[in-house]
């Protein structure tokens, strides 16, 4: 079960990377080739955060998965859930990564209590 949760978190992170790339492409299309500089910064920061969450899932570091999902969800993920279309998936995947990370942390605690 633990391996399945780790794979799910890694897949969420990988999908988030592709969603942020797609977000940047949409911003270019909407802005006629001249988007605001903030769009690059937001996409770059949250792509890096998603990558760190995915690497943490593969390396079995659940607290980092929780932090990556939570930090992505609170400032931007919740905001993007309000928009229709593919940007909504960013917030949903952030929430999924957060929930999976919490489940992994709880599984660690249960395992420690048993020993």
PDB file of N, CA and C in Angstrom:
ATOM      1  N   UNK A   1       0.827  -1.202   0.000  1.00  0.00           N
ATOM      2  CA  UNK A   1       0.000   0.000   0.000  1.00  0.00           C
ATOM      3  C   UNK A   1       0.868   1.261   0.000  1.00  0.00           C
ATOM      4  N   UNK A   2       1.942   1.223   0.806  1.00  0.00           N
ATOM      5  CA  UNK A   2       2.829   2.379   0.904  1.00  0.00           C
ATOM      6  C   UNK A   2       3.476   2.688  -0.449  1.00  0.00           C
ATOM      7  N   UNK A   3       3.900   1.641  -1.142  1.00  0.00           N
ATOM      8  CA  UNK A   3       4.522   1.841  -2.450  1.00  0.00           C
ATOM      9  C   UNK A   3       3.532   2.455  -3.433  1.00  0.00           C
ATOM     10  N   UNK A   4       2.287   2.033  -3.339  1.00  0.00           N
ATOM     11  CA  UNK A   4       1.249   2.584  -4.222  1.00  0.00           C
ATOM     12  C   UNK A   4       1.026   4.073  -3.945  1.00  0.00           C
ATOM     13  N   UNK A   5       1.016   4.459  -2.676  1.00  0.00           N
ATOM     14  CA  UNK A   5       0.853   5.865  -2.323  1.00  0.00           C
ATOM     15  C   UNK A   5       2.038   6.693  -2.810  1.00  0.00           C
ATOM     16  N   UNK A   6       3.231   6.137  -2.697  1.00  0.00           N
ATOM     17  CA  UNK A   6       4.412   6.857  -3.167  1.00  0.00           C
ATOM     18  C   UNK A   6       4.375   7.052  -4.681  1.00  0.00           C
ATOM     19  N   UNK A   7       3.951   6.022  -5.390  1.00  0.00           N
ATOM     20  CA  UNK A   7       3.829   6.125  -6.853  1.00  0.00           C
ATOM     21  C   UNK A   7       2.762   7.158  -7.222  1.00  0.00           C
ATOM     22  N   UNK A   8       1.655   7.144  -6.491  1.00  0.00           N
ATOM     23  CA  UNK A   8       0.587   8.119  -6.762  1.00  0.00           C
ATOM     24  C   UNK A   8       1.068   9.547  -6.537  1.00  0.00           C
ATOM     25  N   UNK A   9       1.838   9.772  -5.472  1.00  0.00           N
ATOM     26  CA  UNK A   9       2.374  11.110  -5.207  1.00  0.00           C
ATOM     27  C   UNK A   9       3.355  11.527  -6.296  1.00  0.00           C
ATOM     28  N   UNK A  10       4.188  10.595  -6.734  1.00  0.00           N
ATOM     29  CA  UNK A  10       5.140  10.904  -7.806  1.00  0.00           C
ATOM     30  C   UNK A  10       4.410  11.218  -9.112  1.00  0.00           C
ATOM     31  N   UNK A  11       3.344  10.484  -9.394  1.00  0.00           N
ATOM     32  CA  UNK A  11       2.556  10.759 -10.602  1.00  0.00           C
ATOM     33  C   UNK A  11       1.835  12.101 -10.516  1.00  0.00           C
ATOM     34  N   UNK A  12       1.341  12.449  -9.337  1.00  0.00           N
ATOM     35  CA  UNK A  12       0.740  13.768  -9.135  1.00  0.00           C
ATOM     36  C   UNK A  12       1.767  14.862  -9.431  1.00  0.00           C
ATOM     37  N   UNK A  13       2.970  14.674  -8.918  1.00  0.00           N
ATOM     38  CA  UNK A  13       4.020  15.670  -9.119  1.00  0.00           C
ATOM     39  C   UNK A  13       4.399  15.778 -10.598  1.00  0.00           C
ATOM     40  N   UNK A  14       4.532  14.649 -11.270  1.00  0.00           N
ATOM     41  CA  UNK A  14       4.879  14.676 -12.689  1.00  0.00           C
ATOM     42  C   UNK A  14       3.774  15.336 -13.511  1.00  0.00           C
ATOM     43  N   UNK A  15       2.544  15.029 -13.187  1.00  0.00           N
ATOM     44  CA  UNK A  15       1.419  15.655 -13.882  1.00  0.00           C
ATOM     45  C   UNK A  15       1.376  17.154 -13.605  1.00  0.00           C
ATOM     46  N   UNK A  16       1.725  17.548 -12.389  1.00  0.00           N
ATOM     47  CA  UNK A  16       1.785  18.977 -12.061  1.00  0.00           C
ATOM     48  C   UNK A  16       2.815  19.703 -12.908  1.00  0.00           C
ATOM     49  N   UNK A  17       3.952  19.074 -13.135  1.00  0.00           N
ATOM     50  CA  UNK A  17       4.984  19.694 -13.980  1.00  0.00           C
ATOM     51  C   UNK A  17       4.416  19.965 -15.370  1.00  0.00           C
ATOM     52  N   UNK A  18       3.752  18.960 -15.946  1.00  0.00           N
ATOM     53  CA  UNK A  18       3.164  19.147 -17.270  1.00  0.00           C
ATOM     54  C   UNK A  18       2.037  20.177 -17.255  1.00  0.00           C
ATOM     55  N   UNK A  19       1.266  20.243 -16.184  1.00  0.00           N
ATOM     56  CA  UNK A  19       0.195  21.235 -16.088  1.00  0.00           C
ATOM     57  C   UNK A  19       0.760  22.657 -16.000  1.00  0.00           C
ATOM     58  N   UNK A  20       1.872  22.838 -15.289  1.00  0.00           N
ATOM     59  CA  UNK A  20       2.477  24.172 -15.222  1.00  0.00           C
ATOM     60  C   UNK A  20       3.050  24.587 -16.567  1.00  0.00           C
ATOM     61  N   UNK A  21       3.586  23.629 -17.319  1.00  0.00           N
ATOM     62  CA  UNK A  21       4.063  23.939 -18.678  1.00  0.00           C
ATOM     63  C   UNK A  21       2.887  24.324 -19.552  1.00  0.00           C
ATOM     64  N   UNK A  22       1.803  23.601 -19.430  1.00  0.00           N
ATOM     65  CA  UNK A  22       0.588  23.924 -20.194  1.00  0.00           C
ATOM     66  C   UNK A  22       0.033  25.290 -19.780  1.00  0.00           C
ATOM     67  N   UNK A  23       0.083  25.600 -18.488  1.00  0.00           N
ATOM     68  CA  UNK A  23      -0.345  26.905 -17.993  1.00  0.00           C
ATOM     69  C   UNK A  23       0.460  28.014 -18.659  1.00  0.00           C
ATOM     70  N   UNK A  24       1.760  27.828 -18.737  1.00  0.00           N
ATOM     71  CA  UNK A  24       2.616  28.838 -19.354  1.00  0.00           C
ATOM     72  C   UNK A  24       2.302  28.998 -20.837  1.00  0.00           C
ATOM     73  N   UNK A  25       2.015  27.896 -21.523  1.00  0.00           N
ATOM     74  CA  UNK A  25       1.632  27.976 -22.935  1.00  0.00           C
ATOM     75  C   UNK A  25       0.326  28.752 -23.107  1.00  0.00           C
ATOM     76  N   UNK A  26      -0.631  28.516 -22.210  1.00  0.00           N
ATOM     77  CA  UNK A  26      -1.896  29.239 -22.293  1.00  0.00           C
ATOM     78  C   UNK A  26      -1.707  30.728 -22.030  1.00  0.00           C
ATOM     79  N   UNK A  27      -0.828  31.052 -21.094  1.00  0.00           N
ATOM     80  CA  UNK A  27      -0.559  32.463 -20.806  1.00  0.00           C
ATOM     81  C   UNK A  27       0.042  33.132 -22.026  1.00  0.00           C
ATOM     82  N   UNK A  28       0.937  32.450 -22.726  1.00  0.00           N
ATOM     83  CA  UNK A  28       1.513  32.998 -23.953  1.00  0.00           C
ATOM     84  C   UNK A  28       0.435  33.223 -25.006  1.00  0.00           C
ATOM     85  N   UNK A  29      -0.474  32.276 -25.127  1.00  0.00           N
ATOM     86  CA  UNK A  29      -1.532  32.392 -26.128  1.00  0.00           C
ATOM     87  C   UNK A  29      -2.473  33.552 -25.806  1.00  0.00           C
ATOM     88  N   UNK A  30      -2.863  33.662 -24.551  1.00  0.00           N
ATOM     89  CA  UNK A  30      -3.798  34.714 -24.153  1.00  0.00           C
ATOM     90  C   UNK A  30      -3.165  36.090 -24.277  1.00  0.00           C
ATOM     91  N   UNK A  31      -1.875  36.191 -23.947  1.00  0.00           N
ATOM     92  CA  UNK A  31      -1.200  37.495 -23.946  1.00  0.00           C
ATOM     93  C   UNK A  31      -0.578  37.829 -25.293  1.00  0.00           C
ATOM     94  N   UNK A  32      -0.890  37.093 -26.324  1.00  0.00           N
ATOM     95  CA  UNK A  32      -0.366  37.336 -27.673  1.00  0.00           C
ATOM     96  C   UNK A  32       1.160  37.351 -27.702  1.00  0.00           C
ATOM     97  N   UNK A  33       1.770  36.430 -27.015  1.00  0.00           N
ATOM     98  CA  UNK A  33       3.215  36.287 -27.058  1.00  0.00           C
ATOM     99  C   UNK A  33       3.999  37.141 -26.085  1.00  0.00           C
ATOM    100  N   UNK A  34       3.344  38.017 -25.314  1.00  0.00           N
ATOM    101  CA  UNK A  34       4.050  38.891 -24.370  1.00  0.00           C
ATOM    102  C   UNK A  34       3.401  38.814 -22.984  1.00  0.00           C
ATOM    103  N   UNK A  35       3.566  37.683 -22.283  1.00  0.00           N
ATOM    104  CA  UNK A  35       2.956  37.572 -20.953  1.00  0.00           C
ATOM    105  C   UNK A  35       3.740  38.360 -19.918  1.00  0.00           C
ATOM    106  N   UNK A  36       3.133  38.566 -18.790  1.00  0.00           N
ATOM    107  CA  UNK A  36       3.799  39.253 -17.692  1.00  0.00           C
ATOM    108  C   UNK A  36       4.933  38.374 -17.158  1.00  0.00           C
ATOM    109  N   UNK A  37       5.959  39.025 -16.639  1.00  0.00           N
ATOM    110  CA  UNK A  37       7.108  38.291 -16.111  1.00  0.00           C
ATOM    111  C   UNK A  37       6.717  37.408 -14.931  1.00  0.00           C
ATOM    112  N   UNK A  38       5.700  37.822 -14.195  1.00  0.00           N
ATOM    113  CA  UNK A  38       5.243  37.040 -13.048  1.00  0.00           C
ATOM    114  C   UNK A  38       4.761  35.652 -13.434  1.00  0.00           C
ATOM    115  N   UNK A  39       4.260  35.496 -14.646  1.00  0.00           N
ATOM    116  CA  UNK A  39       3.794  34.182 -15.095  1.00  0.00           C
ATOM    117  C   UNK A  39       4.955  33.197 -15.150  1.00  0.00           C
ATOM    118  N   UNK A  40       6.110  33.673 -15.600  1.00  0.00           N
ATOM    119  CA  UNK A  40       7.290  32.803 -15.641  1.00  0.00           C
ATOM    120  C   UNK A  40       7.733  32.429 -14.235  1.00  0.00           C
ATOM    121  N   UNK A  41       7.751  33.402 -13.347  1.00  0.00           N
ATOM    122  CA  UNK A  41       8.212  33.168 -11.982  1.00  0.00           C
ATOM    123  C   UNK A  41       7.301  32.170 -11.278  1.00  0.00           C
ATOM    124  N   UNK A  42       6.008  32.380 -11.380  1.00  0.00           N
ATOM    125  CA  UNK A  42       5.048  31.473 -10.733  1.00  0.00           C
ATOM    126  C   UNK A  42       5.201  30.069 -11.296  1.00  0.00           C
ATOM    127  N   UNK A  43       5.261  29.945 -12.607  1.00  0.00           N
ATOM    128  CA  UNK A  43       5.388  28.622 -13.221  1.00  0.00           C
ATOM    129  C   UNK A  43       6.701  27.955 -12.824  1.00  0.00           C
ATOM    130  N   UNK A  44       7.778  28.703 -12.790  1.00  0.00           N
ATOM    131  CA  UNK A  44       9.080  28.135 -12.442  1.00  0.00           C
ATOM    132  C   UNK A  44       9.127  27.693 -10.976  1.00  0.00           C
ATOM    133  N   UNK A  45       8.647  28.535 -10.074  1.00  0.00           N
ATOM    134  CA  UNK A  45       8.672  28.208  -8.642  1.00  0.00           C
ATOM    135  C   UNK A  45       7.818  26.981  -8.348  1.00  0.00           C
ATOM    136  N   UNK A  46       6.609  26.949  -8.862  1.00  0.00           N
ATOM    137  CA  UNK A  46       5.717  25.846  -8.525  1.00  0.00           C
ATOM    138  C   UNK A  46       6.043  24.574  -9.299  1.00  0.00           C
ATOM    139  N   UNK A  47       6.704  24.690 -10.442  1.00  0.00           N
ATOM    140  CA  UNK A  47       7.220  23.497 -11.110  1.00  0.00           C
ATOM    141  C   UNK A  47       8.338  22.886 -10.275  1.00  0.00           C
ATOM    142  N   UNK A  48       9.216  23.722  -9.749  1.00  0.00           N
ATOM    143  CA  UNK A  48      10.277  23.231  -8.871  1.00  0.00           C
ATOM    144  C   UNK A  48       9.733  22.599  -7.608  1.00  0.00           C
ATOM    145  N   UNK A  49       8.691  23.195  -7.067  1.00  0.00           N
ATOM    146  CA  UNK A  49       8.064  22.633  -5.868  1.00  0.00           C
ATOM    147  C   UNK A  49       7.432  21.270  -6.160  1.00  0.00           C
ATOM    148  N   UNK A  50       6.798  21.152  -7.320  1.00  0.00           N
ATOM    149  CA  UNK A  50       6.218  19.862  -7.707  1.00  0.00           C
ATOM    150  C   UNK A  50       7.310  18.814  -7.906  1.00  0.00           C
ATOM    151  N   UNK A  51       8.412  19.203  -8.529  1.00  0.00           N
ATOM    152  CA  UNK A  51       9.525  18.270  -8.718  1.00  0.00           C
ATOM    153  C   UNK A  51      10.104  17.809  -7.382  1.00  0.00           C
ATOM    154  N   UNK A  52      10.224  18.741  -6.446  1.00  0.00           N
ATOM    155  CA  UNK A  52      10.758  18.348  -5.136  1.00  0.00           C
ATOM    156  C   UNK A  52       9.803  17.392  -4.425  1.00  0.00           C
ATOM    157  N   UNK A  53       8.513  17.595  -4.569  1.00  0.00           N
ATOM    158  CA  UNK A  53       7.545  16.670  -3.995  1.00  0.00           C
ATOM    159  C   UNK A  53       7.608  15.292  -4.632  1.00  0.00           C
ATOM    160  N   UNK A  54       7.811  15.254  -5.930  1.00  0.00           N
ATOM    161  CA  UNK A  54       7.934  13.972  -6.622  1.00  0.00           C
ATOM    162  C   UNK A  54       9.190  13.222  -6.228  1.00  0.00           C
ATOM    163  N   UNK A  55      10.305  13.937  -6.138  1.00  0.00           N
ATOM    164  CA  UNK A  55      11.555  13.306  -5.711  1.00  0.00           C
ATOM    165  C   UNK A  55      11.424  12.811  -4.272  1.00  0.00           C
ATOM    166  N   UNK A  56      10.775  13.589  -3.427  1.00  0.00           N
ATOM    167  CA  UNK A  56      10.571  13.175  -2.040  1.00  0.00           C
ATOM    168  C   UNK A  56       9.704  11.921  -1.961  1.00  0.00           C
ATOM    169  N   UNK A  57       8.716  11.818  -2.833  1.00  0.00           N
ATOM    170  CA  UNK A  57       7.868  10.618  -2.839  1.00  0.00           C
ATOM    171  C   UNK A  57       8.676   9.391  -3.246  1.00  0.00           C
ATOM    172  N   UNK A  58       9.530   9.548  -4.243  1.00  0.00           N
ATOM    173  CA  UNK A  58      10.351   8.430  -4.690  1.00  0.00           C
ATOM    174  C   UNK A  58      11.350   8.025  -3.607  1.00  0.00           C
ATOM    175  N   UNK A  59      11.892   9.009  -2.888  1.00  0.00           N
ATOM    176  CA  UNK A  59      12.877   8.737  -1.835  1.00  0.00           C
ATOM    177  C   UNK A  59      12.240   8.413  -0.486  1.00  0.00           C
ATOM    178  N   UNK A  60      10.942   8.350  -0.437  1.00  0.00           N
ATOM    179  CA  UNK A  60      10.180   8.023   0.771  1.00  0.00           C
ATOM    180  C   UNK A  60      10.436   9.023   1.901  1.00  0.00           C
ATOM    181  N   UNK A  61      10.198  10.291   1.597  1.00  0.00           N
ATOM    182  CA  UNK A  61      10.291  11.376   2.578  1.00  0.00           C
ATOM    183  C   UNK A  61       8.927  12.065   2.638  1.00  0.00           C
ATOM    184  N   UNK A  62       7.967  11.476   3.376  1.00  0.00           N
ATOM    185  CA  UNK A  62       6.580  11.936   3.308  1.00  0.00           C
ATOM    186  C   UNK A  62       6.354  13.352   3.810  1.00  0.00           C
ATOM    187  N   UNK A  63       7.141  13.828   4.758  1.00  0.00           N
ATOM    188  CA  UNK A  63       6.915  15.185   5.265  1.00  0.00           C
ATOM    189  C   UNK A  63       7.199  16.220   4.178  1.00  0.00           C
ATOM    190  N   UNK A  64       8.146  15.932   3.299  1.00  0.00           N
ATOM    191  CA  UNK A  64       8.440  16.845   2.192  1.00  0.00           C
ATOM    192  C   UNK A  64       7.298  16.819   1.179  1.00  0.00           C
ATOM    193  N   UNK A  65       6.681  15.662   0.993  1.00  0.00           N
ATOM    194  CA  UNK A  65       5.515  15.568   0.103  1.00  0.00           C
ATOM    195  C   UNK A  65       4.376  16.415   0.662  1.00  0.00           C
ATOM    196  N   UNK A  66       4.166  16.352   1.972  1.00  0.00           N
ATOM    197  CA  UNK A  66       3.129  17.168   2.617  1.00  0.00           C
ATOM    198  C   UNK A  66       3.435  18.645   2.428  1.00  0.00           C
ATOM    199  N   UNK A  67       4.670  19.036   2.678  1.00  0.00           N
ATOM    200  CA  UNK A  67       5.043  20.452   2.528  1.00  0.00           C
ATOM    201  C   UNK A  67       4.899  20.931   1.091  1.00  0.00           C
ATOM    202  N   UNK A  68       5.339  20.122   0.135  1.00  0.00           N
ATOM    203  CA  UNK A  68       5.231  20.515  -1.269  1.00  0.00           C
ATOM    204  C   UNK A  68       3.770  20.659  -1.686  1.00  0.00           C
ATOM    205  N   UNK A  69       2.930  19.705  -1.283  1.00  0.00           N
ATOM    206  CA  UNK A  69       1.507  19.795  -1.615  1.00  0.00           C
ATOM    207  C   UNK A  69       0.828  20.960  -0.931  1.00  0.00           C
ATOM    208  N   UNK A  70       1.143  21.167   0.348  1.00  0.00           N
ATOM    209  CA  UNK A  70       0.513  22.260   1.099  1.00  0.00           C
ATOM    210  C   UNK A  70       0.937  23.630   0.616  1.00  0.00           C
ATOM    211  N   UNK A  71       2.233  23.812   0.376  1.00  0.00           N
ATOM    212  CA  UNK A  71       2.718  25.115  -0.097  1.00  0.00           C
ATOM    213  C   UNK A  71       2.207  25.436  -1.494  1.00  0.00           C
ATOM    214  N   UNK A  72       2.024  24.404  -2.301  1.00  0.00           N
ATOM    215  CA  UNK A  72       1.476  24.634  -3.640  1.00  0.00           C
ATOM    216  C   UNK A  72      -0.015  24.924  -3.595  1.00  0.00           C
ATOM    217  N   UNK A  73      -0.705  24.264  -2.687  1.00  0.00           N
ATOM    218  CA  UNK A  73      -2.164  24.406  -2.632  1.00  0.00           C
ATOM    219  C   UNK A  73      -2.603  25.740  -2.063  1.00  0.00           C
ATOM    220  N   UNK A  74      -2.015  26.148  -0.962  1.00  0.00           N
ATOM    221  CA  UNK A  74      -2.528  27.318  -0.250  1.00  0.00           C
ATOM    222  C   UNK A  74      -2.410  28.610  -1.054  1.00  0.00           C
ATOM    223  N   UNK A  75      -1.266  29.009  -1.560  1.00  0.00           N
ATOM    224  CA  UNK A  75      -1.288  30.310  -2.238  1.00  0.00           C
ATOM    225  C   UNK A  75      -1.902  30.270  -3.627  1.00  0.00           C
ATOM    226  N   UNK A  76      -1.583  29.255  -4.411  1.00  0.00           N
ATOM    227  CA  UNK A  76      -1.966  29.311  -5.820  1.00  0.00           C
ATOM    228  C   UNK A  76      -2.989  28.248  -6.198  1.00  0.00           C
ATOM    229  N   UNK A  77      -2.848  27.062  -5.634  1.00  0.00           N
ATOM    230  CA  UNK A  77      -3.731  25.963  -6.010  1.00  0.00           C
ATOM    231  C   UNK A  77      -5.200  26.245  -5.760  1.00  0.00           C
ATOM    232  N   UNK A  78      -5.502  26.802  -4.597  1.00  0.00           N
ATOM    233  CA  UNK A  78      -6.903  27.137  -4.300  1.00  0.00           C
ATOM    234  C   UNK A  78      -7.428  28.208  -5.250  1.00  0.00           C
ATOM    235  N   UNK A  79      -6.583  29.158  -5.564  1.00  0.00           N
ATOM    236  CA  UNK A  79      -6.972  30.234  -6.485  1.00  0.00           C
ATOM    237  C   UNK A  79      -7.250  29.670  -7.880  1.00  0.00           C
ATOM    238  N   UNK A  80      -6.395  28.763  -8.339  1.00  0.00           N
ATOM    239  CA  UNK A  80      -6.577  28.213  -9.682  1.00  0.00           C
ATOM    240  C   UNK A  80      -7.760  27.260  -9.782  1.00  0.00           C
ATOM    241  N   UNK A  81      -8.229  26.741  -8.644  1.00  0.00           N
ATOM    242  CA  UNK A  81      -9.413  25.884  -8.668  1.00  0.00           C
ATOM    243  C   UNK A  81     -10.672  26.656  -9.057  1.00  0.00           C
ATOM    244  N   UNK A  82     -10.625  27.960  -8.918  1.00  0.00           N
ATOM    245  CA  UNK A  82     -11.787  28.781  -9.249  1.00  0.00           C
ATOM    246  C   UNK A  82     -11.968  28.979 -10.749  1.00  0.00           C
ATOM    247  N   UNK A  83     -10.930  28.721 -11.521  1.00  0.00           N
ATOM    248  CA  UNK A  83     -10.979  28.938 -12.958  1.00  0.00           C
ATOM    249  C   UNK A  83     -11.420  27.681 -13.680  1.00  0.00           C
ATOM    250  N   UNK A  84     -12.175  27.833 -14.755  1.00  0.00           N
ATOM    251  CA  UNK A  84     -12.561  26.661 -15.542  1.00  0.00           C
ATOM    252  C   UNK A  84     -11.389  26.190 -16.401  1.00  0.00           C
ATOM    253  N   UNK A  85     -11.486  24.980 -16.850  1.00  0.00           N
ATOM    254  CA  UNK A  85     -10.472  24.470 -17.763  1.00  0.00           C
ATOM    255  C   UNK A  85      -9.344  23.730 -17.075  1.00  0.00           C
ATOM    256  N   UNK A  86      -8.242  23.595 -17.778  1.00  0.00           N
ATOM    257  CA  UNK A  86      -7.148  22.749 -17.283  1.00  0.00           C
ATOM    258  C   UNK A  86      -6.408  23.316 -16.076  1.00  0.00           C
ATOM    259  N   UNK A  87      -6.507  24.606 -15.825  1.00  0.00           N
ATOM    260  CA  UNK A  87      -5.805  25.159 -14.666  1.00  0.00           C
ATOM    261  C   UNK A  87      -6.405  24.656 -13.360  1.00  0.00           C
ATOM    262  N   UNK A  88      -7.623  24.235 -13.379  1.00  0.00           N
ATOM    263  CA  UNK A  88      -8.265  23.676 -12.183  1.00  0.00           C
ATOM    264  C   UNK A  88      -7.537  22.424 -11.717  1.00  0.00           C
ATOM    265  N   UNK A  89      -6.969  21.683 -12.650  1.00  0.00           N
ATOM    266  CA  UNK A  89      -6.256  20.455 -12.297  1.00  0.00           C
ATOM    267  C   UNK A  89      -5.040  20.725 -11.425  1.00  0.00           C
ATOM    268  N   UNK A  90      -4.439  21.892 -11.564  1.00  0.00           N
ATOM    269  CA  UNK A  90      -3.273  22.219 -10.740  1.00  0.00           C
ATOM    270  C   UNK A  90      -3.660  22.177  -9.265  1.00  0.00           C
ATOM    271  N   UNK A  91      -4.737  22.833  -8.912  1.00  0.00           N
ATOM    272  CA  UNK A  91      -5.190  22.836  -7.522  1.00  0.00           C
ATOM    273  C   UNK A  91      -5.609  21.460  -7.037  1.00  0.00           C
ATOM    274  N   UNK A  92      -6.277  20.708  -7.896  1.00  0.00           N
ATOM    275  CA  UNK A  92      -6.715  19.366  -7.510  1.00  0.00           C
ATOM    276  C   UNK A  92      -5.527  18.430  -7.300  1.00  0.00           C
ATOM    277  N   UNK A  93      -4.521  18.531  -8.142  1.00  0.00           N
ATOM    278  CA  UNK A  93      -3.332  17.700  -7.984  1.00  0.00           C
ATOM    279  C   UNK A  93      -2.532  18.105  -6.751  1.00  0.00           C
ATOM    280  N   UNK A  94      -2.479  19.404  -6.471  1.00  0.00           N
ATOM    281  CA  UNK A  94      -1.832  19.859  -5.238  1.00  0.00           C
ATOM    282  C   UNK A  94      -2.531  19.271  -4.017  1.00  0.00           C
ATOM    283  N   UNK A  95      -3.852  19.304  -4.031  1.00  0.00           N
ATOM    284  CA  UNK A  95      -4.618  18.734  -2.921  1.00  0.00           C
ATOM    285  C   UNK A  95      -4.385  17.229  -2.815  1.00  0.00           C
ATOM    286  N   UNK A  96      -4.311  16.556  -3.945  1.00  0.00           N
ATOM    287  CA  UNK A  96      -4.033  15.125  -3.940  1.00  0.00           C
ATOM    288  C   UNK A  96      -2.674  14.804  -3.356  1.00  0.00           C
ATOM    289  N   UNK A  97      -1.684  15.600  -3.714  1.00  0.00           N
ATOM    290  CA  UNK A  97      -0.340  15.374  -3.173  1.00  0.00           C
ATOM    291  C   UNK A  97      -0.316  15.612  -1.667  1.00  0.00           C
ATOM    292  N   UNK A  98      -1.044  16.611  -1.214  1.00  0.00           N
ATOM    293  CA  UNK A  98      -1.124  16.892   0.218  1.00  0.00           C
ATOM    294  C   UNK A  98      -1.779  15.729   0.963  1.00  0.00           C
ATOM    295  N   UNK A  99      -2.880  15.241   0.457  1.00  0.00           N
ATOM    296  CA  UNK A  99      -3.604  14.139   1.106  1.00  0.00           C
ATOM    297  C   UNK A  99      -2.754  12.868   1.117  1.00  0.00           C
ATOM    298  N   UNK A 100      -2.087  12.579   0.011  1.00  0.00           N
ATOM    299  CA  UNK A 100      -1.235  11.393  -0.050  1.00  0.00           C
ATOM    300  C   UNK A 100      -0.074  11.522   0.935  1.00  0.00           C
ATOM    301  N   UNK A 101       0.509  12.709   1.013  1.00  0.00           N
ATOM    302  CA  UNK A 101       1.598  12.924   1.960  1.00  0.00           C
ATOM    303  C   UNK A 101       1.156  12.731   3.397  1.00  0.00           C
ATOM    304  N   UNK A 102      -0.025  13.235   3.730  1.00  0.00           N
ATOM    305  CA  UNK A 102      -0.553  13.053   5.089  1.00  0.00           C
ATOM    306  C   UNK A 102      -0.786  11.567   5.359  1.00  0.00           C
ATOM    307  N   UNK A 103      -1.302  10.842   4.384  1.00  0.00           N
ATOM    308  CA  UNK A 103      -1.516   9.402   4.563  1.00  0.00           C
ATOM    309  C   UNK A 103      -0.188   8.679   4.784  1.00  0.00           C
ATOM    310  N   UNK A 104       0.850   9.095   4.079  1.00  0.00           N
ATOM    311  CA  UNK A 104       2.169   8.474   4.262  1.00  0.00           C
ATOM    312  C   UNK A 104       2.740   8.774   5.646  1.00  0.00           C
ATOM    313  N   UNK A 105       2.574  10.010   6.115  1.00  0.00           N
ATOM    314  CA  UNK A 105       3.060  10.372   7.448  1.00  0.00           C
ATOM    315  C   UNK A 105       2.309   9.579   8.511  1.00  0.00           C
ATOM    316  N   UNK A 106       1.002   9.453   8.350  1.00  0.00           N
ATOM    317  CA  UNK A 106       0.208   8.687   9.331  1.00  0.00           C
ATOM    318  C   UNK A 106       0.616   7.217   9.322  1.00  0.00           C
ATOM    319  N   UNK A 107       0.914   6.681   8.152  1.00  0.00           N
ATOM    320  CA  UNK A 107       1.359   5.286   8.067  1.00  0.00           C
ATOM    321  C   UNK A 107       2.697   5.108   8.788  1.00  0.00           C
ATOM    322  N   UNK A 108       3.578   6.099   8.688  1.00  0.00           N
ATOM    323  CA  UNK A 108       4.846   6.055   9.427  1.00  0.00           C
ATOM    324  C   UNK A 108       4.607   6.025  10.925  1.00  0.00           C
ATOM    325  N   UNK A 109       3.702   6.851  11.384  1.00  0.00           N
ATOM    326  CA  UNK A 109       3.425   6.910  12.831  1.00  0.00           C
ATOM    327  C   UNK A 109       2.798   5.627  13.337  1.00  0.00           C
ATOM    328  N   UNK A 110       1.912   5.046  12.569  1.00  0.00           N
ATOM    329  CA  UNK A 110       1.295   3.786  12.958  1.00  0.00           C
ATOM    330  C   UNK A 110       2.365   2.699  13.029  1.00  0.00           C
ATOM    331  N   UNK A 111       3.262   2.699  12.057  1.00  0.00           N
ATOM    332  CA  UNK A 111       4.333   1.705  12.023  1.00  0.00           C
ATOM    333  C   UNK A 111       5.272   1.881  13.224  1.00  0.00           C
ATOM    334  N   UNK A 112       5.549   3.136  13.595  1.00  0.00           N
ATOM    335  CA  UNK A 112       6.405   3.399  14.765  1.00  0.00           C
ATOM    336  C   UNK A 112       5.714   2.987  16.062  1.00  0.00           C
ATOM    337  N   UNK A 113       4.409   3.191  16.152  1.00  0.00           N
ATOM    338  CA  UNK A 113       3.666   2.805  17.351  1.00  0.00           C
ATOM    339  C   UNK A 113       3.627   1.287  17.539  1.00  0.00           C
ATOM    340  N   UNK A 114       3.641   0.564  16.419  1.00  0.00           N
ATOM    341  CA  UNK A 114       3.595  -0.883  16.498  1.00  0.00           C
ATOM    342  C   UNK A 114       4.922  -1.452  17.007  1.00  0.00           C
ATOM    343  N   UNK A 115       5.997  -0.757  16.736  1.00  0.00           N
ATOM    344  CA  UNK A 115       7.328  -1.263  17.149  1.00  0.00           C
ATOM    345  C   UNK A 115       7.594  -0.945  18.539  1.00  0.00           C
TER     346      UNK A 115
END
